[in-house]
Amino acid sequence: MSTSSKKPTDDSDTYIDWLEKAVSENFIKYYDYSEFIIKEIDSESIGNIFRANWKGTNTLFFLKSSNNLTIKEIINEVIILRNQTDDALN
């Protein structure tokens, strides 16, 4: 998918469309909250940190939420993290 190298424009609808396409094309994995046992482990002025145990497995995730991020900033973080992961695997 060209999503990893192609950033959306500054229009917020474009960012939402990019995010929906990224999920539908498996660039971003989507998990339903009901699949996890989630516990808040830290709360800060900028957001919260959670521990999520995937039900029926030994898989553990750490999640962060932010009180102030825009959709544009979230998309930019996803692109940066994905590109770093791709670079580390090569």
N, C-alpha and C. Protein backbone atom coordinates (compact mmCIF):
# COMPACT_ATOMS: atom_id res chain seq x y z
N MET A 1 0.85 -1.18 0.00
CA MET A 1 0.00 0.00 0.00
C MET A 1 0.89 1.23 0.00
N SER A 2 0.55 2.19 -0.78
CA SER A 2 1.35 3.40 -0.86
C SER A 2 1.10 4.32 0.32
N THR A 3 0.24 3.94 1.23
CA THR A 3 -0.10 4.76 2.38
C THR A 3 1.11 5.13 3.21
N SER A 4 2.10 4.24 3.34
CA SER A 4 3.25 4.49 4.20
C SER A 4 4.10 5.66 3.72
N SER A 5 4.17 5.86 2.42
CA SER A 5 5.02 6.92 1.89
C SER A 5 4.23 8.15 1.49
N LYS A 6 2.94 8.07 1.51
CA LYS A 6 2.11 9.16 1.02
C LYS A 6 1.30 9.76 2.17
N LYS A 7 1.67 10.96 2.56
CA LYS A 7 0.94 11.63 3.63
C LYS A 7 -0.26 12.35 3.05
N PRO A 8 -1.35 12.39 3.82
CA PRO A 8 -2.52 13.13 3.37
C PRO A 8 -2.27 14.63 3.36
N THR A 9 -3.17 15.36 2.72
CA THR A 9 -3.09 16.82 2.72
C THR A 9 -3.54 17.34 4.08
N ASP A 10 -3.60 18.64 4.25
CA ASP A 10 -3.97 19.22 5.54
C ASP A 10 -5.47 19.18 5.82
N ASP A 11 -6.29 18.76 4.89
CA ASP A 11 -7.73 18.67 5.08
C ASP A 11 -8.04 17.51 6.04
N SER A 12 -8.77 17.78 7.14
CA SER A 12 -9.02 16.74 8.14
C SER A 12 -9.82 15.58 7.58
N ASP A 13 -10.72 15.83 6.62
CA ASP A 13 -11.46 14.73 6.00
C ASP A 13 -10.51 13.79 5.26
N THR A 14 -9.47 14.34 4.66
CA THR A 14 -8.48 13.53 3.96
C THR A 14 -7.75 12.64 4.95
N TYR A 15 -7.44 13.16 6.14
CA TYR A 15 -6.78 12.36 7.17
C TYR A 15 -7.68 11.23 7.64
N ILE A 16 -8.94 11.50 7.81
CA ILE A 16 -9.89 10.46 8.23
C ILE A 16 -10.00 9.40 7.15
N ASP A 17 -10.09 9.82 5.89
CA ASP A 17 -10.13 8.87 4.77
C ASP A 17 -8.86 8.02 4.74
N TRP A 18 -7.70 8.65 4.96
CA TRP A 18 -6.42 7.94 4.97
C TRP A 18 -6.42 6.89 6.07
N LEU A 19 -6.90 7.27 7.25
CA LEU A 19 -6.94 6.34 8.38
C LEU A 19 -7.85 5.15 8.10
N GLU A 20 -9.04 5.41 7.56
CA GLU A 20 -9.97 4.33 7.23
C GLU A 20 -9.37 3.39 6.18
N LYS A 21 -8.70 3.95 5.17
CA LYS A 21 -8.07 3.12 4.14
C LYS A 21 -6.92 2.31 4.73
N ALA A 22 -6.15 2.93 5.61
CA ALA A 22 -5.02 2.24 6.23
C ALA A 22 -5.50 1.04 7.04
N VAL A 23 -6.62 1.17 7.72
CA VAL A 23 -7.18 0.05 8.48
C VAL A 23 -7.72 -1.00 7.54
N SER A 24 -8.48 -0.58 6.52
CA SER A 24 -9.09 -1.55 5.61
C SER A 24 -8.05 -2.33 4.80
N GLU A 25 -6.89 -1.73 4.55
CA GLU A 25 -5.83 -2.40 3.78
C GLU A 25 -4.76 -3.01 4.68
N ASN A 26 -5.06 -3.12 5.98
CA ASN A 26 -4.17 -3.74 6.97
C ASN A 26 -2.82 -3.06 7.15
N PHE A 27 -2.71 -1.80 6.80
CA PHE A 27 -1.51 -1.02 7.11
C PHE A 27 -1.48 -0.77 8.62
N ILE A 28 -2.66 -0.55 9.18
CA ILE A 28 -2.85 -0.40 10.62
C ILE A 28 -3.76 -1.53 11.06
N LYS A 29 -3.34 -2.27 12.07
CA LYS A 29 -4.18 -3.35 12.58
C LYS A 29 -5.24 -2.77 13.51
N TYR A 30 -6.46 -3.22 13.31
CA TYR A 30 -7.57 -2.77 14.15
C TYR A 30 -7.96 -3.89 15.09
N TYR A 31 -8.10 -3.56 16.35
CA TYR A 31 -8.55 -4.52 17.36
C TYR A 31 -9.74 -3.93 18.09
N ASP A 32 -10.72 -4.75 18.37
CA ASP A 32 -11.90 -4.30 19.12
C ASP A 32 -11.56 -4.29 20.61
N TYR A 33 -11.98 -3.26 21.30
CA TYR A 33 -11.71 -3.15 22.74
C TYR A 33 -12.22 -4.35 23.52
N SER A 34 -13.29 -4.98 23.06
CA SER A 34 -13.86 -6.12 23.80
C SER A 34 -12.92 -7.32 23.82
N GLU A 35 -11.88 -7.32 22.97
CA GLU A 35 -10.92 -8.42 22.92
C GLU A 35 -9.85 -8.30 24.01
N PHE A 36 -9.91 -7.23 24.81
CA PHE A 36 -8.84 -6.95 25.77
C PHE A 36 -9.39 -6.69 27.18
N ILE A 37 -8.54 -6.96 28.15
CA ILE A 37 -8.76 -6.53 29.51
C ILE A 37 -7.83 -5.33 29.69
N ILE A 38 -8.41 -4.15 29.86
CA ILE A 38 -7.63 -2.91 29.84
C ILE A 38 -7.62 -2.28 31.24
N LYS A 39 -6.43 -1.89 31.66
CA LYS A 39 -6.26 -1.26 32.96
C LYS A 39 -5.38 -0.02 32.81
N GLU A 40 -5.85 1.11 33.33
CA GLU A 40 -5.04 2.33 33.30
C GLU A 40 -3.90 2.18 34.30
N ILE A 41 -2.68 2.49 33.85
CA ILE A 41 -1.53 2.37 34.75
C ILE A 41 -0.88 3.72 35.06
N ASP A 42 -1.20 4.76 34.27
CA ASP A 42 -0.65 6.08 34.55
C ASP A 42 -1.52 7.13 33.88
N SER A 43 -1.63 8.26 34.53
CA SER A 43 -2.39 9.37 33.98
C SER A 43 -1.53 10.62 34.07
N GLU A 44 -1.38 11.30 32.96
CA GLU A 44 -0.57 12.51 32.89
C GLU A 44 -1.41 13.63 32.31
N SER A 45 -0.88 14.83 32.35
CA SER A 45 -1.61 15.97 31.80
C SER A 45 -1.77 15.86 30.28
N ILE A 46 -0.85 15.14 29.62
CA ILE A 46 -0.93 15.02 28.16
C ILE A 46 -1.71 13.79 27.71
N GLY A 47 -2.01 12.85 28.62
CA GLY A 47 -2.76 11.66 28.24
C GLY A 47 -2.63 10.56 29.26
N ASN A 48 -3.07 9.37 28.88
CA ASN A 48 -3.08 8.22 29.78
C ASN A 48 -2.31 7.05 29.17
N ILE A 49 -1.78 6.20 30.05
CA ILE A 49 -1.09 4.98 29.64
C ILE A 49 -1.90 3.80 30.18
N PHE A 50 -2.13 2.81 29.32
CA PHE A 50 -2.92 1.64 29.68
C PHE A 50 -2.14 0.36 29.41
N ARG A 51 -2.44 -0.66 30.19
CA ARG A 51 -1.94 -2.01 29.91
C ARG A 51 -3.15 -2.80 29.41
N ALA A 52 -2.99 -3.49 28.29
CA ALA A 52 -4.08 -4.26 27.70
C ALA A 52 -3.64 -5.71 27.54
N ASN A 53 -4.32 -6.62 28.22
CA ASN A 53 -4.08 -8.05 28.06
C ASN A 53 -5.08 -8.58 27.04
N TRP A 54 -4.57 -9.22 25.99
CA TRP A 54 -5.42 -9.79 24.96
C TRP A 54 -6.04 -11.05 25.52
N LYS A 55 -7.36 -11.05 25.58
CA LYS A 55 -8.09 -12.18 26.17
C LYS A 55 -7.73 -13.49 25.48
N GLY A 56 -7.51 -14.54 26.28
CA GLY A 56 -7.24 -15.86 25.74
C GLY A 56 -5.82 -16.06 25.26
N THR A 57 -4.95 -15.06 25.46
CA THR A 57 -3.54 -15.19 25.05
C THR A 57 -2.65 -14.65 26.17
N ASN A 58 -1.36 -14.79 25.99
CA ASN A 58 -0.38 -14.17 26.90
C ASN A 58 0.16 -12.87 26.34
N THR A 59 -0.53 -12.31 25.33
CA THR A 59 -0.05 -11.11 24.66
C THR A 59 -0.44 -9.87 25.45
N LEU A 60 0.54 -9.01 25.65
CA LEU A 60 0.36 -7.79 26.42
C LEU A 60 0.70 -6.59 25.55
N PHE A 61 -0.15 -5.58 25.58
CA PHE A 61 0.06 -4.34 24.85
C PHE A 61 0.11 -3.19 25.83
N PHE A 62 0.82 -2.15 25.46
CA PHE A 62 0.75 -0.89 26.20
C PHE A 62 0.21 0.14 25.24
N LEU A 63 -0.77 0.89 25.70
CA LEU A 63 -1.46 1.87 24.87
C LEU A 63 -1.28 3.25 25.46
N LYS A 64 -1.28 4.24 24.61
CA LYS A 64 -1.27 5.60 25.12
C LYS A 64 -2.42 6.35 24.46
N SER A 65 -3.01 7.22 25.22
CA SER A 65 -4.02 8.11 24.67
C SER A 65 -3.57 9.53 24.94
N SER A 66 -3.99 10.43 24.11
CA SER A 66 -3.59 11.82 24.27
C SER A 66 -4.82 12.69 24.33
N ASN A 67 -4.74 13.68 25.18
CA ASN A 67 -5.85 14.62 25.31
C ASN A 67 -5.83 15.70 24.23
N ASN A 68 -4.69 15.87 23.57
CA ASN A 68 -4.53 17.04 22.70
C ASN A 68 -4.15 16.75 21.26
N LEU A 69 -3.98 15.51 20.86
CA LEU A 69 -3.54 15.22 19.50
C LEU A 69 -4.67 15.41 18.50
N THR A 70 -4.33 16.00 17.36
CA THR A 70 -5.28 16.11 16.25
C THR A 70 -5.16 14.85 15.40
N ILE A 71 -6.10 14.62 14.51
CA ILE A 71 -6.04 13.48 13.61
C ILE A 71 -4.77 13.54 12.76
N LYS A 72 -4.36 14.74 12.37
CA LYS A 72 -3.14 14.92 11.58
C LYS A 72 -1.92 14.44 12.37
N GLU A 73 -1.84 14.79 13.65
CA GLU A 73 -0.70 14.39 14.47
C GLU A 73 -0.69 12.87 14.71
N ILE A 74 -1.86 12.29 14.86
CA ILE A 74 -1.95 10.83 15.04
C ILE A 74 -1.46 10.13 13.78
N ILE A 75 -1.92 10.57 12.62
CA ILE A 75 -1.50 9.97 11.35
C ILE A 75 0.02 10.10 11.18
N ASN A 76 0.56 11.27 11.49
CA ASN A 76 2.00 11.47 11.36
C ASN A 76 2.78 10.52 12.28
N GLU A 77 2.29 10.30 13.51
CA GLU A 77 2.94 9.35 14.42
C GLU A 77 2.90 7.93 13.85
N VAL A 78 1.76 7.54 13.30
CA VAL A 78 1.62 6.20 12.72
C VAL A 78 2.61 6.03 11.57
N ILE A 79 2.72 7.01 10.69
CA ILE A 79 3.63 6.93 9.54
C ILE A 79 5.07 6.83 10.02
N ILE A 80 5.45 7.65 10.98
CA ILE A 80 6.82 7.61 11.50
C ILE A 80 7.12 6.26 12.13
N LEU A 81 6.23 5.77 12.98
CA LEU A 81 6.45 4.47 13.62
C LEU A 81 6.51 3.34 12.61
N ARG A 82 5.65 3.37 11.62
CA ARG A 82 5.64 2.31 10.61
C ARG A 82 6.93 2.33 9.79
N ASN A 83 7.37 3.52 9.41
CA ASN A 83 8.61 3.62 8.64
C ASN A 83 9.81 3.17 9.47
N GLN A 84 9.84 3.48 10.76
CA GLN A 84 10.93 3.02 11.62
C GLN A 84 10.92 1.50 11.74
N THR A 85 9.74 0.92 11.86
CA THR A 85 9.61 -0.53 11.94
C THR A 85 10.08 -1.17 10.65
N ASP A 86 9.65 -0.64 9.51
CA ASP A 86 10.08 -1.16 8.21
C ASP A 86 11.59 -1.07 8.05
N ASP A 87 12.19 0.05 8.47
CA ASP A 87 13.65 0.22 8.38
C ASP A 87 14.37 -0.78 9.26
N ALA A 88 13.84 -1.06 10.44
CA ALA A 88 14.48 -1.99 11.37
C ALA A 88 14.45 -3.41 10.85
N LEU A 89 13.45 -3.74 10.04
CA LEU A 89 13.33 -5.10 9.50
C LEU A 89 14.18 -5.32 8.27
N ASN A 90 14.64 -4.25 7.65
CA ASN A 90 15.46 -4.38 6.43
C ASN A 90 16.92 -4.46 6.73
